[in-house]
């Protein structure tokens, strides 16, 4: 290998690794106005009152299902109507 090729390979490797030098998004740490104890108490209150689901380290269970007020036939007819009149959102189907 020629010295020139070696130099180019080394320079490319060094330049390429500089892309990993810093995080893309820098976050500034703002000081909290609450103590750790106050935050834990607020969290327990939110869980107890149902404002926050305690799911631990997993996704947890699905939310409660609500019975539909429309029949399957009505939903199917609405879908066919949307396709026929192109009134559906293109973001949800392939182009």
N, C-alpha and C. Protein backbone atom coordinates (compact mmCIF):
# COMPACT_ATOMS: atom_id res chain seq x y z
N UNK A 1 0.86 -1.18 0.00
CA UNK A 1 0.00 0.00 0.00
C UNK A 1 0.90 1.23 0.00
N UNK A 2 0.55 2.17 -0.83
CA UNK A 2 1.34 3.39 -0.92
C UNK A 2 1.11 4.26 0.30
N UNK A 3 2.10 5.04 0.69
CA UNK A 3 1.93 5.94 1.84
C UNK A 3 0.78 6.93 1.66
N UNK A 4 0.55 7.34 0.41
CA UNK A 4 -0.55 8.29 0.15
C UNK A 4 -1.90 7.62 0.44
N UNK A 5 -2.07 6.38 0.05
CA UNK A 5 -3.32 5.66 0.31
C UNK A 5 -3.52 5.45 1.81
N UNK A 6 -2.44 5.14 2.51
CA UNK A 6 -2.51 4.96 3.95
C UNK A 6 -2.92 6.25 4.64
N UNK A 7 -2.36 7.36 4.20
CA UNK A 7 -2.71 8.67 4.77
C UNK A 7 -4.18 8.99 4.52
N UNK A 8 -4.67 8.74 3.32
CA UNK A 8 -6.08 9.01 2.99
C UNK A 8 -7.00 8.13 3.84
N UNK A 9 -6.65 6.87 4.01
CA UNK A 9 -7.48 5.96 4.82
C UNK A 9 -7.50 6.41 6.27
N UNK A 10 -6.35 6.81 6.79
CA UNK A 10 -6.27 7.27 8.17
C UNK A 10 -7.05 8.56 8.37
N UNK A 11 -6.93 9.49 7.44
CA UNK A 11 -7.66 10.76 7.53
C UNK A 11 -9.16 10.52 7.47
N UNK A 12 -9.60 9.64 6.60
CA UNK A 12 -11.02 9.33 6.48
C UNK A 12 -11.55 8.69 7.76
N UNK A 13 -10.78 7.82 8.36
CA UNK A 13 -11.20 7.18 9.61
C UNK A 13 -11.31 8.20 10.73
N UNK A 14 -10.36 9.10 10.82
CA UNK A 14 -10.40 10.11 11.88
C UNK A 14 -11.55 11.09 11.69
N UNK A 15 -11.79 11.49 10.46
CA UNK A 15 -12.90 12.42 10.19
C UNK A 15 -14.24 11.73 10.44
N UNK A 16 -14.34 10.47 10.08
CA UNK A 16 -15.58 9.73 10.27
C UNK A 16 -15.95 9.53 11.73
N UNK A 17 -14.95 9.37 12.59
CA UNK A 17 -15.25 9.16 14.00
C UNK A 17 -15.66 10.44 14.71
N UNK A 18 -15.38 11.59 14.13
CA UNK A 18 -15.77 12.84 14.78
C UNK A 18 -17.28 13.01 14.80
N UNK A 19 -17.99 12.28 13.96
CA UNK A 19 -19.45 12.37 13.96
C UNK A 19 -20.04 11.81 15.25
N UNK A 20 -19.30 10.97 15.94
CA UNK A 20 -19.78 10.37 17.17
C UNK A 20 -19.34 11.14 18.42
N UNK A 21 -18.82 12.32 18.24
CA UNK A 21 -18.22 13.05 19.35
C UNK A 21 -19.25 13.58 20.34
N UNK A 22 -20.43 13.96 19.89
CA UNK A 22 -21.41 14.57 20.80
C UNK A 22 -22.80 14.05 20.50
N UNK A 23 -23.65 14.16 21.49
CA UNK A 23 -25.05 13.78 21.35
C UNK A 23 -25.73 14.77 20.41
N UNK A 24 -26.67 14.29 19.61
CA UNK A 24 -27.35 15.15 18.64
C UNK A 24 -28.20 16.21 19.33
N UNK A 25 -28.86 15.84 20.40
CA UNK A 25 -29.72 16.78 21.11
C UNK A 25 -29.13 17.04 22.49
N UNK A 26 -28.84 18.28 22.77
CA UNK A 26 -28.30 18.64 24.07
C UNK A 26 -29.44 19.10 24.97
N UNK A 27 -29.52 18.54 26.15
CA UNK A 27 -30.56 18.90 27.09
C UNK A 27 -29.94 19.69 28.23
N UNK A 28 -30.63 20.74 28.62
CA UNK A 28 -30.15 21.50 29.77
C UNK A 28 -30.90 21.02 31.00
N UNK A 29 -30.19 20.79 32.05
CA UNK A 29 -30.81 20.35 33.30
C UNK A 29 -31.32 21.55 34.06
N UNK A 30 -32.63 21.62 34.23
CA UNK A 30 -33.21 22.70 35.03
C UNK A 30 -33.37 22.21 36.45
N UNK A 31 -33.00 23.02 37.41
CA UNK A 31 -33.12 22.58 38.81
C UNK A 31 -34.58 22.43 39.21
N UNK A 32 -34.86 21.40 39.97
CA UNK A 32 -36.23 21.12 40.41
C UNK A 32 -36.62 22.03 41.55
N UNK A 33 -37.91 22.34 41.62
CA UNK A 33 -38.42 23.14 42.73
C UNK A 33 -39.00 22.26 43.83
N UNK A 34 -39.10 20.95 43.56
CA UNK A 34 -39.64 20.01 44.54
C UNK A 34 -38.54 19.11 45.06
N UNK A 35 -38.73 18.63 46.27
CA UNK A 35 -37.78 17.67 46.81
C UNK A 35 -38.15 16.27 46.31
N UNK A 36 -37.24 15.33 46.50
CA UNK A 36 -37.50 13.95 46.07
C UNK A 36 -38.71 13.38 46.80
N UNK A 37 -38.85 13.68 48.07
CA UNK A 37 -39.98 13.19 48.86
C UNK A 37 -41.29 13.74 48.33
N UNK A 38 -41.31 15.02 47.97
CA UNK A 38 -42.54 15.63 47.43
C UNK A 38 -42.92 15.00 46.10
N UNK A 39 -41.94 14.72 45.26
CA UNK A 39 -42.21 14.10 43.96
C UNK A 39 -42.78 12.70 44.15
N UNK A 40 -42.19 11.93 45.07
CA UNK A 40 -42.70 10.57 45.34
C UNK A 40 -44.12 10.61 45.88
N UNK A 41 -44.41 11.57 46.76
CA UNK A 41 -45.77 11.70 47.32
C UNK A 41 -46.76 12.07 46.21
N UNK A 42 -46.35 12.96 45.33
CA UNK A 42 -47.22 13.36 44.22
C UNK A 42 -47.47 12.18 43.28
N UNK A 43 -46.46 11.37 43.04
CA UNK A 43 -46.61 10.18 42.20
C UNK A 43 -47.57 9.18 42.83
N UNK A 44 -47.42 8.92 44.13
CA UNK A 44 -48.33 7.99 44.81
C UNK A 44 -49.77 8.49 44.75
N UNK A 45 -49.98 9.80 44.91
CA UNK A 45 -51.33 10.37 44.83
C UNK A 45 -51.91 10.19 43.43
N UNK A 46 -51.10 10.44 42.41
CA UNK A 46 -51.57 10.29 41.03
C UNK A 46 -51.95 8.85 40.72
N UNK A 47 -51.16 7.90 41.20
CA UNK A 47 -51.48 6.49 40.97
C UNK A 47 -52.74 6.10 41.71
N UNK A 48 -52.88 6.54 42.95
CA UNK A 48 -54.04 6.19 43.77
C UNK A 48 -55.32 6.76 43.16
N UNK A 49 -55.27 7.96 42.60
CA UNK A 49 -56.47 8.60 42.04
C UNK A 49 -56.72 8.21 40.59
N UNK A 50 -55.89 7.33 40.04
CA UNK A 50 -56.11 6.85 38.68
C UNK A 50 -55.64 7.80 37.60
N UNK A 51 -54.88 8.82 37.96
CA UNK A 51 -54.37 9.77 36.97
C UNK A 51 -53.17 9.21 36.23
N UNK A 52 -52.54 8.21 36.81
CA UNK A 52 -51.35 7.62 36.23
C UNK A 52 -51.39 6.12 36.46
N UNK A 53 -51.30 5.37 35.39
CA UNK A 53 -51.34 3.91 35.52
C UNK A 53 -49.99 3.41 35.99
N UNK A 54 -49.98 2.56 36.98
CA UNK A 54 -48.74 1.97 37.48
C UNK A 54 -48.48 0.71 36.68
N UNK A 55 -47.64 0.81 35.69
CA UNK A 55 -47.39 -0.32 34.79
C UNK A 55 -46.03 -0.96 35.04
N UNK A 56 -45.28 -0.46 35.96
CA UNK A 56 -43.98 -1.06 36.26
C UNK A 56 -43.04 -0.94 35.08
N UNK A 57 -42.33 -2.01 34.80
CA UNK A 57 -41.35 -1.99 33.73
C UNK A 57 -41.88 -2.60 32.43
N UNK A 58 -43.15 -2.93 32.38
CA UNK A 58 -43.71 -3.50 31.16
C UNK A 58 -44.77 -2.55 30.62
N UNK A 59 -45.34 -2.92 29.50
CA UNK A 59 -46.36 -2.09 28.89
C UNK A 59 -47.67 -2.14 29.66
N UNK A 60 -47.83 -3.16 30.44
CA UNK A 60 -49.06 -3.26 31.21
C UNK A 60 -50.21 -3.78 30.37
N UNK A 61 -51.37 -3.72 30.95
CA UNK A 61 -52.55 -4.23 30.26
C UNK A 61 -53.16 -3.14 29.38
N UNK A 62 -54.01 -3.58 28.45
CA UNK A 62 -54.68 -2.63 27.57
C UNK A 62 -55.76 -1.89 28.35
N UNK A 63 -56.07 -0.69 27.88
CA UNK A 63 -57.13 0.07 28.52
C UNK A 63 -58.46 -0.64 28.35
N UNK A 64 -59.41 -0.30 29.17
CA UNK A 64 -60.71 -0.95 29.13
C UNK A 64 -61.39 -0.68 27.79
N UNK A 65 -61.94 -1.72 27.20
CA UNK A 65 -62.60 -1.58 25.91
C UNK A 65 -63.99 -1.00 26.11
N UNK A 66 -64.38 -0.17 25.16
CA UNK A 66 -65.70 0.45 25.20
C UNK A 66 -66.53 -0.16 24.08
N UNK A 67 -67.76 -0.51 24.37
CA UNK A 67 -68.63 -1.12 23.36
C UNK A 67 -68.96 -0.10 22.28
N UNK A 68 -68.92 -0.55 21.04
CA UNK A 68 -69.22 0.33 19.91
C UNK A 68 -70.72 0.59 19.81
N UNK A 69 -71.07 1.76 19.32
CA UNK A 69 -72.48 2.10 19.12
C UNK A 69 -72.92 1.80 17.70
N UNK A 70 -71.97 1.39 16.85
CA UNK A 70 -72.30 1.10 15.45
C UNK A 70 -72.07 -0.37 15.17
N UNK A 71 -72.81 -0.87 14.20
CA UNK A 71 -72.66 -2.28 13.83
C UNK A 71 -71.47 -2.44 12.90
N UNK A 72 -71.04 -3.68 12.76
CA UNK A 72 -69.93 -3.97 11.85
C UNK A 72 -70.31 -3.62 10.42
N UNK A 73 -71.56 -3.85 10.07
CA UNK A 73 -72.04 -3.55 8.72
C UNK A 73 -71.94 -2.04 8.42
N UNK A 74 -72.28 -1.21 9.42
CA UNK A 74 -72.20 0.25 9.23
C UNK A 74 -70.75 0.70 9.03
N UNK A 75 -69.84 0.14 9.80
CA UNK A 75 -68.43 0.50 9.66
C UNK A 75 -67.90 0.05 8.31
N UNK A 76 -68.28 -1.15 7.89
CA UNK A 76 -67.86 -1.68 6.60
C UNK A 76 -68.38 -0.80 5.46
N UNK A 77 -69.64 -0.39 5.55
CA UNK A 77 -70.23 0.48 4.51
C UNK A 77 -69.52 1.83 4.47
N UNK A 78 -69.17 2.36 5.63
CA UNK A 78 -68.46 3.64 5.67
C UNK A 78 -67.08 3.52 5.01
N UNK A 79 -66.41 2.40 5.23
CA UNK A 79 -65.10 2.18 4.62
C UNK A 79 -65.21 2.09 3.11
N UNK A 80 -66.20 1.35 2.61
CA UNK A 80 -66.40 1.25 1.16
C UNK A 80 -66.74 2.61 0.56
N UNK A 81 -67.53 3.40 1.25
CA UNK A 81 -67.88 4.74 0.77
C UNK A 81 -66.63 5.63 0.71
N UNK A 82 -65.78 5.54 1.71
CA UNK A 82 -64.56 6.35 1.74
C UNK A 82 -63.63 5.97 0.59
N UNK A 83 -63.52 4.67 0.30
CA UNK A 83 -62.67 4.24 -0.80
C UNK A 83 -63.25 4.69 -2.13
N UNK A 84 -64.56 4.56 -2.29
CA UNK A 84 -65.20 4.93 -3.56
C UNK A 84 -65.09 6.42 -3.84
N UNK A 85 -65.16 7.24 -2.81
CA UNK A 85 -65.13 8.70 -2.99
C UNK A 85 -63.77 9.31 -2.64
N UNK A 86 -62.78 8.44 -2.37
CA UNK A 86 -61.42 8.87 -2.02
C UNK A 86 -61.42 9.92 -0.91
N UNK A 87 -62.24 9.69 0.12
CA UNK A 87 -62.33 10.62 1.23
C UNK A 87 -61.54 10.14 2.45
N UNK A 88 -60.64 9.18 2.24
CA UNK A 88 -59.83 8.67 3.34
C UNK A 88 -58.51 9.43 3.39
N UNK A 89 -57.82 9.30 4.48
CA UNK A 89 -56.55 9.98 4.67
C UNK A 89 -55.45 9.16 4.01
N UNK A 90 -54.74 9.75 3.06
CA UNK A 90 -53.69 9.04 2.33
C UNK A 90 -52.51 8.63 3.22
N UNK A 91 -52.40 9.21 4.39
CA UNK A 91 -51.29 8.85 5.27
C UNK A 91 -51.44 7.43 5.80
N UNK A 92 -52.65 6.89 5.79
CA UNK A 92 -52.88 5.58 6.38
C UNK A 92 -52.89 4.45 5.37
N UNK A 93 -52.70 4.76 4.11
CA UNK A 93 -52.64 3.72 3.09
C UNK A 93 -51.47 3.99 2.17
N UNK A 94 -51.00 2.96 1.51
CA UNK A 94 -49.88 3.13 0.59
C UNK A 94 -50.26 3.96 -0.61
N UNK A 95 -49.28 4.63 -1.16
CA UNK A 95 -49.52 5.48 -2.34
C UNK A 95 -49.27 4.71 -3.61
